[in-house]
């Protein structure tokens, strides 16, 4: 058993802050299924578990070849972000992705602030086999604990590429023949009016303010989802799923 004063624990605790996640290129996950997923995807660097975890049906996870350390229950609580920890936490390595992962279908997240929404979008991108997710400066951290939980493990499979500048991202995509679709309520045409069989980039904006006007003006097309009832708009994660799967539907029937 290692104590809270151990250097491994001290470093792991730092990962609860974004600045250290960025600096060390690592992040924390918790829960048996999530840790199991990390092991399967070869992204778990080390595992911390409590004695209580050894009494659970998931204890066989510890037969993996990842470094593991037993710690006190109080240490697990300190490492955890949930009220009732399952007794297992892992430090994972961030993957590095470059622009070569971008082929013909990307989603751009522009200023989204809700971690649950981002996590759900990451999960949708995984399910739809989107090439990559482009995250612009000002978007919530993809490795925020709430975001991670919402991904349900998809964080390990979706390439994420960061751009500080929207203009740099758009310039790269246009140079590579992408059509860029901005989702906005003011659009005159629905998503069903467009052909998504070409190279496609979809922009999802901030929950409250949407996509900035200057960003919309640089897109190829403005699109919207039909709103037939009284609600003015859909949740950002729901809207992204509707559009992503319209792209999938068209490509499956090409």
Protein backbone atom coordinates (compact mmCIF):
# COMPACT_ATOMS: atom_id res chain seq x y z
CA UNK A 1 0.00 0.00 0.00
CA UNK A 2 1.28 3.48 -0.83
CA UNK A 3 0.44 6.60 1.15
CA UNK A 4 -0.96 9.96 0.12
CA UNK A 5 2.55 11.43 0.39
CA UNK A 6 3.86 9.17 -2.35
CA UNK A 7 4.98 11.14 -5.44
CA UNK A 8 2.65 9.10 -7.67
CA UNK A 9 -0.36 10.15 -5.60
CA UNK A 10 0.75 13.77 -5.46
CA UNK A 11 1.10 13.88 -9.25
CA UNK A 12 -2.24 12.12 -9.76
CA UNK A 13 -3.99 14.66 -7.51
CA UNK A 14 -2.59 17.48 -9.65
CA UNK A 15 -4.45 16.00 -12.63
CA UNK A 16 -7.69 17.26 -11.11
CA UNK A 17 -6.61 20.65 -12.47
CA UNK A 18 -6.66 21.42 -16.20
CA UNK A 19 -3.27 23.16 -16.21
CA UNK A 20 -1.57 19.98 -15.01
CA UNK A 21 -3.56 17.76 -17.37
CA UNK A 22 -2.23 19.95 -20.18
CA UNK A 23 1.31 20.03 -18.80
CA UNK A 24 1.65 16.29 -18.12
CA UNK A 25 -0.57 15.19 -21.05
CA UNK A 26 -2.39 12.86 -18.67
CA UNK A 27 -5.83 12.65 -17.07
CA UNK A 28 -7.72 10.76 -14.38
CA UNK A 29 -10.60 8.35 -14.85
CA UNK A 30 -12.58 6.37 -12.30
CA UNK A 31 -14.93 3.41 -12.17
CA UNK A 32 -14.44 -0.22 -13.11
CA UNK A 33 -15.90 -0.11 -16.61
CA UNK A 34 -14.04 3.07 -17.54
CA UNK A 35 -10.73 1.67 -16.28
CA UNK A 36 -11.39 -1.58 -18.13
CA UNK A 37 -11.93 0.43 -21.33
CA UNK A 38 -8.65 2.30 -20.78
CA UNK A 39 -6.78 -0.98 -20.34
CA UNK A 40 -8.34 -2.38 -23.52
CA UNK A 41 -7.34 0.74 -25.47
CA UNK A 42 -3.83 0.63 -23.94
CA UNK A 43 -4.11 4.11 -22.44
CA UNK A 44 -3.97 3.31 -18.72
CA UNK A 45 -0.59 4.24 -17.25
CA UNK A 46 -1.22 3.16 -13.66
CA UNK A 47 -4.13 2.11 -11.45
CA UNK A 48 -4.96 2.97 -7.83
CA UNK A 49 -7.44 0.75 -6.00
CA UNK A 50 -8.75 0.29 -2.47
CA UNK A 51 -9.01 -2.89 -0.42
CA UNK A 52 -12.79 -2.65 -0.77
CA UNK A 53 -12.45 -2.93 -4.55
CA UNK A 54 -10.96 -6.41 -4.11
CA UNK A 55 -14.37 -7.56 -2.83
CA UNK A 56 -16.22 -6.50 -6.00
CA UNK A 57 -17.10 -8.52 -9.10
CA UNK A 58 -14.69 -6.33 -11.09
CA UNK A 59 -11.56 -7.32 -9.17
CA UNK A 60 -10.22 -9.34 -12.14
CA UNK A 61 -9.44 -6.03 -13.84
CA UNK A 62 -6.34 -6.00 -11.65
CA UNK A 63 -4.91 -9.04 -13.44
CA UNK A 64 -3.82 -6.72 -16.29
CA UNK A 65 -0.16 -5.83 -16.85
CA UNK A 66 -0.65 -2.14 -15.99
CA UNK A 67 1.17 -0.90 -12.86
CA UNK A 68 -1.22 -0.91 -9.90
CA UNK A 69 -1.07 0.33 -6.34
CA UNK A 70 -3.31 -0.29 -3.36
CA UNK A 71 -4.21 2.92 -1.54
CA UNK A 72 -6.31 3.91 1.44
CA UNK A 73 -10.04 4.49 0.90
CA UNK A 74 -9.54 8.17 1.79
CA UNK A 75 -6.99 8.54 -1.01
CA UNK A 76 -9.47 7.07 -3.50
CA UNK A 77 -12.07 9.59 -2.33
CA UNK A 78 -9.58 12.40 -2.82
CA UNK A 79 -8.68 11.22 -6.33
CA UNK A 80 -12.31 10.68 -7.26
CA UNK A 81 -14.78 13.24 -8.58
CA UNK A 82 -17.94 11.32 -7.66
CA UNK A 83 -19.79 11.13 -4.33
CA UNK A 84 -19.68 7.32 -4.16
CA UNK A 85 -16.38 6.14 -5.69
CA UNK A 86 -16.14 2.55 -6.91
CA UNK A 87 -12.69 2.11 -5.39
CA UNK A 88 -10.62 2.27 -8.58
CA UNK A 89 -8.95 5.18 -10.37
CA UNK A 90 -6.50 5.22 -13.28
CA UNK A 91 -4.04 7.71 -14.70
CA UNK A 92 -4.28 7.72 -18.49
CA UNK A 93 -2.09 9.16 -21.22
CA UNK A 94 -3.49 11.64 -23.69
CA UNK A 95 -3.06 10.56 -27.29
CA UNK A 96 -1.44 12.92 -29.77
CA UNK A 97 -3.36 13.36 -33.03
CA UNK A 98 -2.24 15.28 -36.07
CA UNK A 99 -4.04 16.63 -39.12
CA UNK A 100 -3.52 13.37 -41.03
CA UNK A 101 -6.52 11.93 -39.15
CA UNK A 102 -8.81 14.33 -40.99
CA UNK A 103 -10.14 12.60 -44.12
CA UNK A 104 -13.66 13.60 -45.15
CA UNK A 105 -15.87 14.15 -42.08
CA UNK A 106 -15.11 16.33 -39.05
CA UNK A 107 -17.08 18.10 -36.35
CA UNK A 108 -15.89 21.51 -35.10
CA UNK A 109 -16.80 22.48 -31.54
CA UNK A 110 -16.80 26.27 -31.23
CA UNK A 111 -17.10 27.58 -27.67
CA UNK A 112 -19.27 24.84 -26.16
CA UNK A 113 -19.27 25.20 -22.35
CA UNK A 114 -21.23 22.30 -20.90
CA UNK A 115 -19.00 19.27 -20.19
CA UNK A 116 -21.92 16.86 -20.49
CA UNK A 117 -22.75 18.17 -23.95
CA UNK A 118 -19.16 17.82 -25.14
CA UNK A 119 -18.92 14.29 -23.74
CA UNK A 120 -22.11 13.28 -25.54
CA UNK A 121 -20.84 14.78 -28.80
CA UNK A 122 -17.59 12.81 -28.44
CA UNK A 123 -19.64 9.64 -27.91
CA UNK A 124 -21.78 10.42 -30.98
CA UNK A 125 -18.66 11.01 -33.09
CA UNK A 126 -17.34 7.62 -31.99
CA UNK A 127 -20.63 5.89 -32.86
CA UNK A 128 -20.80 7.59 -36.27
CA UNK A 129 -17.09 7.02 -37.03
CA UNK A 130 -16.38 10.73 -37.52
CA UNK A 131 -12.74 11.23 -38.54
CA UNK A 132 -11.92 13.78 -35.85
CA UNK A 133 -13.27 16.40 -33.51
CA UNK A 134 -11.76 19.87 -33.87
CA UNK A 135 -11.85 21.72 -30.55
CA UNK A 136 -11.45 25.49 -30.73
CA UNK A 137 -10.00 27.71 -28.03
CA UNK A 138 -12.67 28.64 -25.48
CA UNK A 139 -14.35 25.22 -25.57
CA UNK A 140 -14.73 23.27 -22.31
CA UNK A 141 -11.89 20.85 -21.53
CA UNK A 142 -12.44 17.42 -23.09
CA UNK A 143 -10.72 15.87 -20.04
CA UNK A 144 -12.98 17.53 -17.49
CA UNK A 145 -14.27 14.69 -15.22
CA UNK A 146 -17.90 15.34 -16.22
CA UNK A 147 -16.98 15.33 -19.90
CA UNK A 148 -15.09 12.08 -19.48
CA UNK A 149 -18.03 10.35 -17.79
CA UNK A 150 -20.37 11.49 -20.56
CA UNK A 151 -18.13 9.97 -23.25
CA UNK A 152 -18.72 6.46 -21.84
CA UNK A 153 -15.21 5.47 -22.96
CA UNK A 154 -15.35 7.10 -26.40
CA UNK A 155 -12.65 9.56 -25.26
CA UNK A 156 -10.14 6.82 -26.10
CA UNK A 157 -11.28 6.41 -29.70
CA UNK A 158 -12.11 9.84 -31.14
CA UNK A 159 -9.14 11.82 -32.50
CA UNK A 160 -9.24 15.34 -31.04
CA UNK A 161 -7.36 18.14 -32.73
CA UNK A 162 -6.92 21.57 -31.17
CA UNK A 163 -6.84 24.91 -32.95
CA UNK A 164 -6.30 28.19 -31.11
CA UNK A 165 -7.67 30.07 -34.10
CA UNK A 166 -10.97 29.43 -35.88
CA UNK A 167 -9.48 31.03 -38.98
CA UNK A 168 -6.56 28.58 -39.07
CA UNK A 169 -8.97 25.65 -38.80
CA UNK A 170 -11.20 26.97 -41.59
CA UNK A 171 -8.23 27.78 -43.81
CA UNK A 172 -6.93 24.22 -43.43
CA UNK A 173 -10.33 22.68 -44.18
CA UNK A 174 -11.04 24.87 -47.20
CA UNK A 175 -7.57 24.20 -48.56
CA UNK A 176 -8.46 20.51 -48.39
CA UNK A 177 -11.79 20.94 -50.21
CA UNK A 178 -14.12 20.67 -47.22
CA UNK A 179 -17.59 22.16 -47.30
CA UNK A 180 -18.21 23.86 -43.96
CA UNK A 181 -21.73 23.85 -42.49
CA UNK A 182 -22.63 26.30 -39.72
CA UNK A 183 -25.67 25.37 -37.66
CA UNK A 184 -27.82 28.42 -36.90
CA UNK A 185 -31.49 29.23 -36.41
CA UNK A 186 -31.33 32.03 -39.00
CA UNK A 187 -30.47 29.64 -41.84
CA UNK A 188 -33.00 29.53 -44.68
CA UNK A 189 -32.44 25.86 -45.56
CA UNK A 190 -32.68 22.63 -43.62
CA UNK A 191 -29.93 20.04 -43.23
CA UNK A 192 -31.93 17.74 -45.54
CA UNK A 193 -31.46 20.17 -48.44
CA UNK A 194 -27.73 19.51 -48.71
CA UNK A 195 -25.53 16.76 -50.10
CA UNK A 196 -23.13 15.61 -47.39
CA UNK A 197 -21.39 13.03 -49.55
CA UNK A 198 -18.51 15.42 -50.20
CA UNK A 199 -15.91 16.36 -47.59
CA UNK A 200 -17.96 17.72 -44.70
CA UNK A 201 -17.20 19.83 -41.62
CA UNK A 202 -20.04 20.67 -39.21
CA UNK A 203 -19.71 23.52 -36.70
CA UNK A 204 -21.47 23.23 -33.34
CA UNK A 205 -21.57 26.48 -31.34
CA UNK A 206 -22.04 27.68 -27.79
CA UNK A 207 -25.21 26.51 -26.00
CA UNK A 208 -26.48 30.03 -25.33
CA UNK A 209 -25.02 32.26 -28.04
CA UNK A 210 -24.45 29.78 -30.86
CA UNK A 211 -21.69 30.27 -33.42
CA UNK A 212 -20.18 33.80 -33.58
CA UNK A 213 -21.42 35.75 -36.61
CA UNK A 214 -17.90 36.23 -37.98
CA UNK A 215 -17.44 32.45 -37.93
CA UNK A 216 -20.79 31.83 -39.62
CA UNK A 217 -19.79 34.26 -42.38
CA UNK A 218 -16.75 32.12 -43.22
CA UNK A 219 -18.72 28.88 -43.53
CA UNK A 220 -19.76 27.48 -46.90
CA UNK A 221 -23.41 26.99 -45.92
CA UNK A 222 -25.77 27.90 -43.08
CA UNK A 223 -28.09 25.05 -42.08
CA UNK A 224 -30.80 24.38 -39.53
CA UNK A 225 -32.85 21.51 -38.13
CA UNK A 226 -36.65 21.74 -38.61
CA UNK A 227 -38.37 22.90 -35.42
CA UNK A 228 -42.03 22.00 -35.86
CA UNK A 229 -43.26 22.47 -32.31
CA UNK A 230 -43.01 25.38 -29.90
CA UNK A 231 -39.41 24.80 -28.76
CA UNK A 232 -37.01 27.24 -30.38
CA UNK A 233 -33.99 24.98 -30.44
CA UNK A 234 -32.49 21.64 -29.45
CA UNK A 235 -29.82 20.92 -26.88
CA UNK A 236 -26.36 21.24 -28.53
CA UNK A 237 -25.56 17.55 -28.11
CA UNK A 238 -28.94 16.48 -29.52
CA UNK A 239 -28.62 18.88 -32.48
CA UNK A 240 -25.15 17.59 -33.29
CA UNK A 241 -26.40 13.98 -33.23
CA UNK A 242 -29.25 14.82 -35.64
CA UNK A 243 -26.88 16.44 -38.12
CA UNK A 244 -24.09 13.87 -37.77
CA UNK A 245 -26.53 11.06 -38.46
CA UNK A 246 -27.99 12.82 -41.48
CA UNK A 247 -24.44 12.73 -42.89
CA UNK A 248 -24.21 9.03 -41.99
CA UNK A 249 -27.63 8.29 -43.55
CA UNK A 250 -26.68 9.92 -46.84
CA UNK A 251 -23.34 8.15 -47.02
CA UNK A 252 -24.87 4.77 -46.27
CA UNK A 253 -27.25 5.22 -49.20
CA UNK A 254 -24.80 6.67 -51.71
